[in-house]
């Protein structure tokens, strides 16, 4: 888990310096070590969006949202980044379907 996080940090540095392909590879390697890390998935989604791989980026962002922990969901920047991908981050109302208007 710790090594995956470090690879994710290296990917962020690579992305910030314009090395999208290297960042994508680092994120993929990091996910092999920490497959449920939502932050790394979201970082890879950002890489892929910059590379023009919009469908793959949206899939990664959706996976990041589904694997997000309560701590991830409490971070405003994490939720804002997900919303930038068009992910609906609003909590679902379980009673909405049976409520009478």
N, C-alpha and C. Protein backbone atom coordinates (compact mmCIF):
# COMPACT_ATOMS: atom_id res chain seq x y z
N UNK A 1 0.83 -1.19 0.00
CA UNK A 1 0.00 0.00 0.00
C UNK A 1 0.88 1.26 0.00
N UNK A 2 1.89 1.29 0.86
CA UNK A 2 2.77 2.45 0.92
C UNK A 2 3.55 2.66 -0.36
N UNK A 3 4.02 1.55 -0.96
CA UNK A 3 4.76 1.65 -2.22
C UNK A 3 3.85 2.14 -3.34
N UNK A 4 2.60 1.69 -3.32
CA UNK A 4 1.64 2.16 -4.32
C UNK A 4 1.40 3.65 -4.20
N UNK A 5 1.31 4.13 -2.97
CA UNK A 5 1.10 5.56 -2.74
C UNK A 5 2.30 6.37 -3.24
N UNK A 6 3.51 5.86 -3.00
CA UNK A 6 4.71 6.55 -3.47
C UNK A 6 4.76 6.59 -5.00
N UNK A 7 4.39 5.49 -5.65
CA UNK A 7 4.34 5.50 -7.12
C UNK A 7 3.29 6.50 -7.61
N UNK A 8 2.17 6.58 -6.89
CA UNK A 8 1.15 7.56 -7.23
C UNK A 8 1.67 8.97 -7.11
N UNK A 9 2.46 9.24 -6.09
CA UNK A 9 3.06 10.57 -5.93
C UNK A 9 4.04 10.87 -7.06
N UNK A 10 4.81 9.85 -7.45
CA UNK A 10 5.74 10.04 -8.58
C UNK A 10 4.96 10.32 -9.86
N UNK A 11 3.80 9.67 -10.00
CA UNK A 11 2.97 9.91 -11.19
C UNK A 11 2.46 11.35 -11.21
N UNK A 12 2.12 11.88 -10.04
CA UNK A 12 1.66 13.27 -9.97
C UNK A 12 2.76 14.22 -10.41
N UNK A 13 3.98 13.93 -9.98
CA UNK A 13 5.12 14.77 -10.40
C UNK A 13 5.33 14.68 -11.90
N UNK A 14 5.23 13.48 -12.45
CA UNK A 14 5.41 13.30 -13.89
C UNK A 14 4.32 14.05 -14.66
N UNK A 15 3.10 13.99 -14.17
CA UNK A 15 2.00 14.68 -14.85
C UNK A 15 2.20 16.20 -14.79
N UNK A 16 2.66 16.69 -13.65
CA UNK A 16 2.89 18.13 -13.51
C UNK A 16 4.01 18.64 -14.40
N UNK A 17 4.92 17.77 -14.81
CA UNK A 17 6.01 18.19 -15.69
C UNK A 17 5.71 17.87 -17.16
N UNK A 18 4.46 17.46 -17.44
CA UNK A 18 4.07 17.22 -18.83
C UNK A 18 4.42 15.85 -19.38
N UNK A 19 4.74 14.92 -18.52
CA UNK A 19 5.11 13.56 -18.98
C UNK A 19 3.92 12.63 -18.72
N UNK A 20 2.88 12.77 -19.56
CA UNK A 20 1.63 12.05 -19.34
C UNK A 20 1.78 10.54 -19.47
N UNK A 21 2.54 10.09 -20.46
CA UNK A 21 2.69 8.64 -20.67
C UNK A 21 3.40 8.00 -19.48
N UNK A 22 4.43 8.65 -18.98
CA UNK A 22 5.14 8.13 -17.80
C UNK A 22 4.21 8.12 -16.59
N UNK A 23 3.40 9.17 -16.44
CA UNK A 23 2.47 9.24 -15.32
C UNK A 23 1.44 8.13 -15.40
N UNK A 24 0.94 7.85 -16.60
CA UNK A 24 -0.03 6.78 -16.79
C UNK A 24 0.57 5.43 -16.41
N UNK A 25 1.80 5.19 -16.83
CA UNK A 25 2.48 3.92 -16.50
C UNK A 25 2.71 3.79 -15.00
N UNK A 26 3.14 4.89 -14.37
CA UNK A 26 3.37 4.87 -12.92
C UNK A 26 2.06 4.59 -12.16
N UNK A 27 0.97 5.19 -12.61
CA UNK A 27 -0.32 4.94 -11.97
C UNK A 27 -0.75 3.49 -12.15
N UNK A 28 -0.54 2.95 -13.33
CA UNK A 28 -0.90 1.56 -13.58
C UNK A 28 -0.10 0.64 -12.68
N UNK A 29 1.19 0.91 -12.53
CA UNK A 29 2.03 0.10 -11.62
C UNK A 29 1.59 0.27 -10.17
N UNK A 30 1.24 1.49 -9.80
CA UNK A 30 0.79 1.75 -8.43
C UNK A 30 -0.50 1.00 -8.14
N UNK A 31 -1.38 0.91 -9.14
CA UNK A 31 -2.65 0.20 -8.93
C UNK A 31 -2.45 -1.31 -8.80
N UNK A 32 -1.36 -1.82 -9.34
CA UNK A 32 -1.05 -3.25 -9.13
C UNK A 32 -0.72 -3.51 -7.67
N UNK A 33 -0.10 -2.52 -7.03
CA UNK A 33 0.26 -2.65 -5.61
C UNK A 33 -0.88 -2.26 -4.67
N UNK A 34 -1.71 -1.34 -5.10
CA UNK A 34 -2.82 -0.86 -4.27
C UNK A 34 -4.07 -0.74 -5.15
N UNK A 35 -4.70 -1.87 -5.50
CA UNK A 35 -5.79 -1.84 -6.48
C UNK A 35 -7.05 -1.10 -6.04
N UNK A 36 -7.23 -0.88 -4.76
CA UNK A 36 -8.44 -0.21 -4.29
C UNK A 36 -8.21 1.25 -3.92
N UNK A 37 -7.10 1.81 -4.33
CA UNK A 37 -6.78 3.19 -3.98
C UNK A 37 -7.47 4.15 -4.94
N UNK A 38 -8.50 4.83 -4.44
CA UNK A 38 -9.30 5.72 -5.28
C UNK A 38 -8.49 6.93 -5.76
N UNK A 39 -7.58 7.41 -4.93
CA UNK A 39 -6.79 8.58 -5.33
C UNK A 39 -5.90 8.28 -6.53
N UNK A 40 -5.32 7.09 -6.54
CA UNK A 40 -4.47 6.70 -7.67
C UNK A 40 -5.32 6.52 -8.93
N UNK A 41 -6.50 5.94 -8.77
CA UNK A 41 -7.40 5.80 -9.93
C UNK A 41 -7.77 7.16 -10.50
N UNK A 42 -8.05 8.11 -9.62
CA UNK A 42 -8.41 9.44 -10.09
C UNK A 42 -7.22 10.14 -10.75
N UNK A 43 -6.03 9.89 -10.22
CA UNK A 43 -4.82 10.46 -10.82
C UNK A 43 -4.62 9.89 -12.23
N UNK A 44 -4.84 8.56 -12.39
CA UNK A 44 -4.70 7.95 -13.72
C UNK A 44 -5.78 8.50 -14.66
N UNK A 45 -6.96 8.76 -14.13
CA UNK A 45 -8.02 9.35 -14.97
C UNK A 45 -7.58 10.72 -15.49
N UNK A 46 -6.95 11.52 -14.62
CA UNK A 46 -6.45 12.82 -15.07
C UNK A 46 -5.40 12.66 -16.17
N UNK A 47 -4.50 11.70 -15.99
CA UNK A 47 -3.47 11.44 -17.01
C UNK A 47 -4.11 11.09 -18.34
N UNK A 48 -5.06 10.20 -18.28
CA UNK A 48 -5.68 9.74 -19.52
C UNK A 48 -6.49 10.83 -20.19
N UNK A 49 -7.09 11.71 -19.41
CA UNK A 49 -7.83 12.83 -20.02
C UNK A 49 -6.87 13.74 -20.76
N UNK A 50 -5.71 14.02 -20.16
CA UNK A 50 -4.71 14.87 -20.81
C UNK A 50 -4.21 14.21 -22.09
N UNK A 51 -4.12 12.87 -22.08
CA UNK A 51 -3.65 12.14 -23.26
C UNK A 51 -4.73 12.01 -24.34
N UNK A 52 -5.96 12.46 -24.04
CA UNK A 52 -7.03 12.38 -25.02
C UNK A 52 -7.82 11.09 -24.98
N UNK A 53 -7.59 10.27 -23.96
CA UNK A 53 -8.31 9.00 -23.82
C UNK A 53 -9.52 9.23 -22.90
N UNK A 54 -10.52 9.92 -23.43
CA UNK A 54 -11.64 10.35 -22.61
C UNK A 54 -12.47 9.21 -22.05
N UNK A 55 -12.72 8.16 -22.85
CA UNK A 55 -13.54 7.05 -22.37
C UNK A 55 -12.84 6.32 -21.22
N UNK A 56 -11.55 6.07 -21.37
CA UNK A 56 -10.78 5.39 -20.32
C UNK A 56 -10.70 6.28 -19.07
N UNK A 57 -10.57 7.58 -19.28
CA UNK A 57 -10.51 8.51 -18.15
C UNK A 57 -11.82 8.48 -17.37
N UNK A 58 -12.93 8.48 -18.07
CA UNK A 58 -14.25 8.45 -17.41
C UNK A 58 -14.43 7.14 -16.64
N UNK A 59 -13.99 6.01 -17.22
CA UNK A 59 -14.07 4.72 -16.53
C UNK A 59 -13.25 4.73 -15.25
N UNK A 60 -12.04 5.27 -15.31
CA UNK A 60 -11.19 5.36 -14.12
C UNK A 60 -11.81 6.26 -13.06
N UNK A 61 -12.40 7.37 -13.49
CA UNK A 61 -13.03 8.29 -12.54
C UNK A 61 -14.23 7.62 -11.87
N UNK A 62 -15.01 6.87 -12.65
CA UNK A 62 -16.16 6.16 -12.08
C UNK A 62 -15.69 5.10 -11.09
N UNK A 63 -14.62 4.40 -11.43
CA UNK A 63 -14.07 3.39 -10.52
C UNK A 63 -13.54 4.05 -9.24
N UNK A 64 -12.94 5.22 -9.39
CA UNK A 64 -12.43 5.94 -8.22
C UNK A 64 -13.59 6.30 -7.29
N UNK A 65 -14.70 6.72 -7.86
CA UNK A 65 -15.86 7.08 -7.04
C UNK A 65 -16.41 5.85 -6.32
N UNK A 66 -16.47 4.73 -7.02
CA UNK A 66 -17.04 3.53 -6.39
C UNK A 66 -16.12 2.95 -5.31
N UNK A 67 -14.82 3.20 -5.41
CA UNK A 67 -13.87 2.67 -4.42
C UNK A 67 -13.48 3.69 -3.35
N UNK A 68 -14.05 4.88 -3.45
CA UNK A 68 -13.69 5.95 -2.51
C UNK A 68 -14.11 5.61 -1.09
N UNK A 69 -13.22 5.86 -0.17
CA UNK A 69 -13.50 5.66 1.25
C UNK A 69 -14.21 6.91 1.78
N UNK A 70 -14.80 6.83 2.96
CA UNK A 70 -15.39 8.05 3.54
C UNK A 70 -14.38 9.20 3.66
N UNK A 71 -13.11 8.86 3.93
CA UNK A 71 -12.09 9.90 4.01
C UNK A 71 -11.88 10.55 2.64
N UNK A 72 -11.84 9.73 1.57
CA UNK A 72 -11.72 10.29 0.21
C UNK A 72 -12.90 11.22 -0.08
N UNK A 73 -14.09 10.77 0.25
CA UNK A 73 -15.30 11.53 -0.05
C UNK A 73 -15.39 12.83 0.76
N UNK A 74 -14.66 12.89 1.86
CA UNK A 74 -14.68 14.11 2.67
C UNK A 74 -13.76 15.19 2.11
N UNK A 75 -12.88 14.80 1.19
CA UNK A 75 -11.94 15.77 0.61
C UNK A 75 -12.63 16.53 -0.53
N UNK A 76 -12.74 17.82 -0.38
CA UNK A 76 -13.42 18.65 -1.37
C UNK A 76 -12.77 18.54 -2.74
N UNK A 77 -11.45 18.54 -2.78
CA UNK A 77 -10.75 18.49 -4.08
C UNK A 77 -11.01 17.16 -4.79
N UNK A 78 -11.09 16.08 -4.04
CA UNK A 78 -11.37 14.77 -4.63
C UNK A 78 -12.75 14.78 -5.29
N UNK A 79 -13.74 15.27 -4.57
CA UNK A 79 -15.10 15.30 -5.09
C UNK A 79 -15.23 16.27 -6.27
N UNK A 80 -14.54 17.38 -6.20
CA UNK A 80 -14.57 18.36 -7.29
C UNK A 80 -13.95 17.77 -8.56
N UNK A 81 -12.84 17.03 -8.39
CA UNK A 81 -12.21 16.39 -9.55
C UNK A 81 -13.14 15.35 -10.18
N UNK A 82 -13.85 14.59 -9.33
CA UNK A 82 -14.80 13.62 -9.87
C UNK A 82 -15.91 14.31 -10.65
N UNK A 83 -16.40 15.41 -10.12
CA UNK A 83 -17.47 16.15 -10.79
C UNK A 83 -16.99 16.71 -12.13
N UNK A 84 -15.71 17.02 -12.23
CA UNK A 84 -15.15 17.52 -13.49
C UNK A 84 -15.22 16.45 -14.58
N UNK A 85 -15.26 15.19 -14.18
CA UNK A 85 -15.39 14.09 -15.14
C UNK A 85 -16.85 13.77 -15.44
N UNK A 86 -17.77 14.51 -14.82
CA UNK A 86 -19.19 14.25 -15.05
C UNK A 86 -19.77 13.17 -14.17
N UNK A 87 -19.07 12.84 -13.09
CA UNK A 87 -19.54 11.81 -12.17
C UNK A 87 -20.52 12.47 -11.20
N UNK A 88 -21.70 11.88 -11.05
CA UNK A 88 -22.69 12.39 -10.10
C UNK A 88 -22.30 11.95 -8.70
N UNK A 89 -21.88 12.90 -7.88
CA UNK A 89 -21.37 12.57 -6.55
C UNK A 89 -22.41 12.81 -5.46
N UNK A 90 -23.62 13.18 -5.85
CA UNK A 90 -24.67 13.42 -4.85
C UNK A 90 -25.13 12.10 -4.25
N UNK A 91 -25.35 12.08 -2.94
CA UNK A 91 -25.85 10.85 -2.32
C UNK A 91 -27.23 10.50 -2.88
N UNK A 92 -27.45 9.22 -3.07
CA UNK A 92 -28.73 8.76 -3.61
C UNK A 92 -29.77 8.67 -2.49
N UNK A 93 -30.97 9.08 -2.80
CA UNK A 93 -32.08 9.00 -1.85
C UNK A 93 -32.78 7.66 -2.06
N UNK A 94 -32.67 6.73 -1.11
CA UNK A 94 -33.27 5.40 -1.31
C UNK A 94 -34.79 5.42 -1.37
N UNK A 95 -35.42 6.50 -0.89
CA UNK A 95 -36.88 6.56 -0.88
C UNK A 95 -37.44 7.35 -2.06
N UNK A 96 -36.58 7.87 -2.92
CA UNK A 96 -37.04 8.74 -4.00
C UNK A 96 -38.02 8.06 -4.94
N UNK A 97 -37.84 6.78 -5.20
CA UNK A 97 -38.68 6.10 -6.17
C UNK A 97 -40.11 5.85 -5.67
N UNK A 98 -40.33 5.88 -4.35
CA UNK A 98 -41.67 5.61 -3.84
C UNK A 98 -42.33 6.85 -3.24
N UNK A 99 -41.64 7.97 -3.27
CA UNK A 99 -42.17 9.19 -2.70
C UNK A 99 -43.24 9.78 -3.65
N UNK A 100 -44.34 10.21 -3.10
CA UNK A 100 -45.41 10.81 -3.89
C UNK A 100 -45.22 12.32 -3.91
N UNK A 101 -45.28 12.88 -5.10
CA UNK A 101 -45.05 14.32 -5.23
C UNK A 101 -46.24 15.11 -4.77
